[in-house]
Amino acid sequence: MASITQEKLDYIVKLLTEINYGSVLITLHDGQITQVDSTEKNRFLAKSKVASHK
């Protein structure tokens, strides 16, 4: 198992604490973190349409 620098660990923890809904993807090459992607999801409820009677 490769060691993780404090800088990388701090960055990942920061992302995790800032995201309410979403994902954090950590990419490894040869056991080393080479990339971190984060995606935050925002969902909005659509107003339901009420059928009108004529």
PDB file of N, CA and C in Angstrom:
ATOM      1  N   MET A   1       0.845  -1.184   0.000  1.00  0.00           N
ATOM      2  CA  MET A   1       0.000   0.000   0.000  1.00  0.00           C
ATOM      3  C   MET A   1       0.885   1.241   0.000  1.00  0.00           C
ATOM      4  N   ALA A   2       0.587   2.164  -0.890  1.00  0.00           N
ATOM      5  CA  ALA A   2       1.363   3.393  -0.995  1.00  0.00           C
ATOM      6  C   ALA A   2       0.932   4.387   0.074  1.00  0.00           C
ATOM      7  N   SER A   3       1.850   5.261   0.435  1.00  0.00           N
ATOM      8  CA  SER A   3       1.499   6.290   1.412  1.00  0.00           C
ATOM      9  C   SER A   3       0.789   7.446   0.710  1.00  0.00           C
ATOM     10  N   ILE A   4      -0.043   8.135   1.457  1.00  0.00           N
ATOM     11  CA  ILE A   4      -0.794   9.274   0.935  1.00  0.00           C
ATOM     12  C   ILE A   4      -0.268  10.521   1.628  1.00  0.00           C
ATOM     13  N   THR A   5       0.071  11.537   0.849  1.00  0.00           N
ATOM     14  CA  THR A   5       0.572  12.769   1.453  1.00  0.00           C
ATOM     15  C   THR A   5      -0.551  13.473   2.204  1.00  0.00           C
ATOM     16  N   GLN A   6      -0.175  14.246   3.186  1.00  0.00           N
ATOM     17  CA  GLN A   6      -1.157  14.996   3.967  1.00  0.00           C
ATOM     18  C   GLN A   6      -1.908  15.979   3.079  1.00  0.00           C
ATOM     19  N   GLU A   7      -1.222  16.540   2.088  1.00  0.00           N
ATOM     20  CA  GLU A   7      -1.858  17.481   1.160  1.00  0.00           C
ATOM     21  C   GLU A   7      -3.005  16.810   0.401  1.00  0.00           C
ATOM     22  N   LYS A   8      -2.774  15.603  -0.096  1.00  0.00           N
ATOM     23  CA  LYS A   8      -3.820  14.877  -0.830  1.00  0.00           C
ATOM     24  C   LYS A   8      -4.955  14.484   0.100  1.00  0.00           C
ATOM     25  N   LEU A   9      -4.616  14.025   1.282  1.00  0.00           N
ATOM     26  CA  LEU A   9      -5.632  13.634   2.252  1.00  0.00           C
ATOM     27  C   LEU A   9      -6.495  14.831   2.648  1.00  0.00           C
ATOM     28  N   ASP A  10      -5.866  15.966   2.901  1.00  0.00           N
ATOM     29  CA  ASP A  10      -6.612  17.182   3.258  1.00  0.00           C
ATOM     30  C   ASP A  10      -7.547  17.606   2.135  1.00  0.00           C
ATOM     31  N   TYR A  11      -7.077  17.503   0.894  1.00  0.00           N
ATOM     32  CA  TYR A  11      -7.891  17.889  -0.261  1.00  0.00           C
ATOM     33  C   TYR A  11      -9.124  16.996  -0.375  1.00  0.00           C
ATOM     34  N   ILE A  12      -8.942  15.694  -0.214  1.00  0.00           N
ATOM     35  CA  ILE A  12     -10.056  14.742  -0.310  1.00  0.00           C
ATOM     36  C   ILE A  12     -11.058  14.968   0.819  1.00  0.00           C
ATOM     37  N   VAL A  13     -10.575  15.159   2.020  1.00  0.00           N
ATOM     38  CA  VAL A  13     -11.463  15.409   3.162  1.00  0.00           C
ATOM     39  C   VAL A  13     -12.237  16.706   2.951  1.00  0.00           C
ATOM     40  N   LYS A  14     -11.589  17.738   2.415  1.00  0.00           N
ATOM     41  CA  LYS A  14     -12.268  19.011   2.129  1.00  0.00           C
ATOM     42  C   LYS A  14     -13.409  18.794   1.146  1.00  0.00           C
ATOM     43  N   LEU A  15     -13.159  18.038   0.085  1.00  0.00           N
ATOM     44  CA  LEU A  15     -14.218  17.751  -0.885  1.00  0.00           C
ATOM     45  C   LEU A  15     -15.385  17.021  -0.223  1.00  0.00           C
ATOM     46  N   LEU A  16     -15.075  16.037   0.593  1.00  0.00           N
ATOM     47  CA  LEU A  16     -16.119  15.247   1.248  1.00  0.00           C
ATOM     48  C   LEU A  16     -16.968  16.087   2.197  1.00  0.00           C
ATOM     49  N   THR A  17     -16.364  17.050   2.856  1.00  0.00           N
ATOM     50  CA  THR A  17     -17.124  17.868   3.804  1.00  0.00           C
ATOM     51  C   THR A  17     -17.957  18.937   3.106  1.00  0.00           C
ATOM     52  N   GLU A  18     -17.596  19.288   1.863  1.00  0.00           N
ATOM     53  CA  GLU A  18     -18.321  20.336   1.141  1.00  0.00           C
ATOM     54  C   GLU A  18     -19.478  19.813   0.299  1.00  0.00           C
ATOM     55  N   ILE A  19     -19.491  18.531  -0.010  1.00  0.00           N
ATOM     56  CA  ILE A  19     -20.519  17.975  -0.889  1.00  0.00           C
ATOM     57  C   ILE A  19     -21.659  17.393  -0.057  1.00  0.00           C
ATOM     58  N   ASN A  20     -22.891  17.829  -0.355  1.00  0.00           N
ATOM     59  CA  ASN A  20     -24.058  17.260   0.319  1.00  0.00           C
ATOM     60  C   ASN A  20     -24.576  16.039  -0.421  1.00  0.00           C
ATOM     61  N   TYR A  21     -24.634  16.126  -1.740  1.00  0.00           N
ATOM     62  CA  TYR A  21     -25.082  15.018  -2.582  1.00  0.00           C
ATOM     63  C   TYR A  21     -24.157  14.967  -3.784  1.00  0.00           C
ATOM     64  N   GLY A  22     -23.599  13.836  -4.067  1.00  0.00           N
ATOM     65  CA  GLY A  22     -22.720  13.722  -5.222  1.00  0.00           C
ATOM     66  C   GLY A  22     -21.715  12.609  -5.036  1.00  0.00           C
ATOM     67  N   SER A  23     -20.570  12.782  -5.681  1.00  0.00           N
ATOM     68  CA  SER A  23     -19.556  11.732  -5.615  1.00  0.00           C
ATOM     69  C   SER A  23     -18.160  12.327  -5.680  1.00  0.00           C
ATOM     70  N   VAL A  24     -17.212  11.579  -5.118  1.00  0.00           N
ATOM     71  CA  VAL A  24     -15.796  11.897  -5.221  1.00  0.00           C
ATOM     72  C   VAL A  24     -15.134  10.666  -5.814  1.00  0.00           C
ATOM     73  N   LEU A  25     -14.461  10.852  -6.940  1.00  0.00           N
ATOM     74  CA  LEU A  25     -13.805   9.757  -7.643  1.00  0.00           C
ATOM     75  C   LEU A  25     -12.299   9.946  -7.525  1.00  0.00           C
ATOM     76  N   ILE A  26     -11.617   8.938  -6.993  1.00  0.00           N
ATOM     77  CA  ILE A  26     -10.168   8.989  -6.823  1.00  0.00           C
ATOM     78  C   ILE A  26      -9.545   8.021  -7.817  1.00  0.00           C
ATOM     79  N   THR A  27      -8.674   8.545  -8.690  1.00  0.00           N
ATOM     80  CA  THR A  27      -8.017   7.726  -9.703  1.00  0.00           C
ATOM     81  C   THR A  27      -6.602   7.405  -9.246  1.00  0.00           C
ATOM     82  N   LEU A  28      -6.251   6.125  -9.343  1.00  0.00           N
ATOM     83  CA  LEU A  28      -4.921   5.659  -8.938  1.00  0.00           C
ATOM     84  C   LEU A  28      -4.165   5.100 -10.129  1.00  0.00           C
ATOM     85  N   HIS A  29      -2.870   5.345 -10.174  1.00  0.00           N
ATOM     86  CA  HIS A  29      -1.971   4.707 -11.134  1.00  0.00           C
ATOM     87  C   HIS A  29      -0.786   4.186 -10.342  1.00  0.00           C
ATOM     88  N   ASP A  30      -0.528   2.894 -10.443  1.00  0.00           N
ATOM     89  CA  ASP A  30       0.568   2.250  -9.705  1.00  0.00           C
ATOM     90  C   ASP A  30       0.483   2.532  -8.208  1.00  0.00           C
ATOM     91  N   GLY A  31      -0.745   2.548  -7.679  1.00  0.00           N
ATOM     92  CA  GLY A  31      -0.940   2.736  -6.246  1.00  0.00           C
ATOM     93  C   GLY A  31      -0.821   4.175  -5.775  1.00  0.00           C
ATOM     94  N   GLN A  32      -0.682   5.120  -6.684  1.00  0.00           N
ATOM     95  CA  GLN A  32      -0.551   6.531  -6.328  1.00  0.00           C
ATOM     96  C   GLN A  32      -1.781   7.298  -6.803  1.00  0.00           C
ATOM     97  N   ILE A  33      -2.248   8.231  -5.993  1.00  0.00           N
ATOM     98  CA  ILE A  33      -3.365   9.079  -6.393  1.00  0.00           C
ATOM     99  C   ILE A  33      -2.872  10.025  -7.481  1.00  0.00           C
ATOM    100  N   THR A  34      -3.509   9.953  -8.641  1.00  0.00           N
ATOM    101  CA  THR A  34      -3.118  10.821  -9.752  1.00  0.00           C
ATOM    102  C   THR A  34      -4.186  11.847 -10.098  1.00  0.00           C
ATOM    103  N   GLN A  35      -5.421  11.605  -9.664  1.00  0.00           N
ATOM    104  CA  GLN A  35      -6.506  12.523 -10.023  1.00  0.00           C
ATOM    105  C   GLN A  35      -7.649  12.363  -9.036  1.00  0.00           C
ATOM    106  N   VAL A  36      -8.311  13.467  -8.739  1.00  0.00           N
ATOM    107  CA  VAL A  36      -9.502  13.452  -7.890  1.00  0.00           C
ATOM    108  C   VAL A  36     -10.570  14.286  -8.591  1.00  0.00           C
ATOM    109  N   ASP A  37     -11.726  13.667  -8.840  1.00  0.00           N
ATOM    110  CA  ASP A  37     -12.856  14.356  -9.467  1.00  0.00           C
ATOM    111  C   ASP A  37     -14.007  14.396  -8.472  1.00  0.00           C
ATOM    112  N   SER A  38     -14.695  15.523  -8.426  1.00  0.00           N
ATOM    113  CA  SER A  38     -15.885  15.600  -7.580  1.00  0.00           C
ATOM    114  C   SER A  38     -17.049  16.127  -8.404  1.00  0.00           C
ATOM    115  N   THR A  39     -18.211  15.578  -8.136  1.00  0.00           N
ATOM    116  CA  THR A  39     -19.437  15.986  -8.805  1.00  0.00           C
ATOM    117  C   THR A  39     -20.490  16.224  -7.739  1.00  0.00           C
ATOM    118  N   GLU A  40     -21.053  17.413  -7.737  1.00  0.00           N
ATOM    119  CA  GLU A  40     -22.124  17.697  -6.781  1.00  0.00           C
ATOM    120  C   GLU A  40     -23.452  17.684  -7.519  1.00  0.00           C
ATOM    121  N   LYS A  41     -24.416  17.011  -6.930  1.00  0.00           N
ATOM    122  CA  LYS A  41     -25.748  16.898  -7.518  1.00  0.00           C
ATOM    123  C   LYS A  41     -26.668  17.935  -6.895  1.00  0.00           C
ATOM    124  N   ASN A  42     -27.426  18.591  -7.742  1.00  0.00           N
ATOM    125  CA  ASN A  42     -28.472  19.512  -7.297  1.00  0.00           C
ATOM    126  C   ASN A  42     -29.757  19.081  -7.962  1.00  0.00           C
ATOM    127  N   ARG A  43     -30.747  18.746  -7.160  1.00  0.00           N
ATOM    128  CA  ARG A  43     -32.021  18.296  -7.711  1.00  0.00           C
ATOM    129  C   ARG A  43     -33.102  19.293  -7.352  1.00  0.00           C
ATOM    130  N   PHE A  44     -33.941  19.559  -8.333  1.00  0.00           N
ATOM    131  CA  PHE A  44     -35.037  20.493  -8.149  1.00  0.00           C
ATOM    132  C   PHE A  44     -36.334  19.753  -8.410  1.00  0.00           C
ATOM    133  N   LEU A  45     -37.286  19.915  -7.521  1.00  0.00           N
ATOM    134  CA  LEU A  45     -38.572  19.259  -7.687  1.00  0.00           C
ATOM    135  C   LEU A  45     -39.406  20.026  -8.696  1.00  0.00           C
ATOM    136  N   ALA A  46     -39.946  19.310  -9.653  1.00  0.00           N
ATOM    137  CA  ALA A  46     -40.814  19.926 -10.654  1.00  0.00           C
ATOM    138  C   ALA A  46     -42.215  20.051 -10.075  1.00  0.00           C
ATOM    139  N   LYS A  47     -42.870  21.153 -10.388  1.00  0.00           N
ATOM    140  CA  LYS A  47     -44.251  21.322  -9.943  1.00  0.00           C
ATOM    141  C   LYS A  47     -45.117  20.384 -10.765  1.00  0.00           C
ATOM    142  N   SER A  48     -45.978  19.646 -10.086  1.00  0.00           N
ATOM    143  CA  SER A  48     -46.843  18.715 -10.814  1.00  0.00           C
ATOM    144  C   SER A  48     -47.967  19.490 -11.488  1.00  0.00           C
ATOM    145  N   LYS A  49     -48.295  19.064 -12.675  1.00  0.00           N
ATOM    146  CA  LYS A  49     -49.372  19.708 -13.430  1.00  0.00           C
ATOM    147  C   LYS A  49     -50.701  19.096 -13.011  1.00  0.00           C
ATOM    148  N   VAL A  50     -51.656  19.932 -12.758  1.00  0.00           N
ATOM    149  CA  VAL A  50     -52.988  19.476 -12.371  1.00  0.00           C
ATOM    150  C   VAL A  50     -53.865  19.524 -13.615  1.00  0.00           C
ATOM    151  N   ALA A  51     -54.539  18.417 -13.902  1.00  0.00           N
ATOM    152  CA  ALA A  51     -55.414  18.359 -15.082  1.00  0.00           C
ATOM    153  C   ALA A  51     -56.590  19.303 -14.881  1.00  0.00           C
ATOM    154  N   SER A  52     -56.862  20.094 -15.894  1.00  0.00           N
ATOM    155  CA  SER A  52     -57.999  21.021 -15.793  1.00  0.00           C
ATOM    156  C   SER A  52     -59.239  20.365 -16.383  1.00  0.00           C
ATOM    157  N   HIS A  53     -60.367  20.632 -15.789  1.00  0.00           N
ATOM    158  CA  HIS A  53     -61.643  20.092 -16.264  1.00  0.00           C
ATOM    159  C   HIS A  53     -62.376  21.178 -17.029  1.00  0.00           C
ATOM    160  N   LYS A  54     -62.821  20.866 -18.225  1.00  0.00           N
ATOM    161  CA  LYS A  54     -63.565  21.846 -19.026  1.00  0.00           C
ATOM    162  C   LYS A  54     -65.001  21.448 -19.143  1.00  0.00           C
TER     163      LYS A  54
END
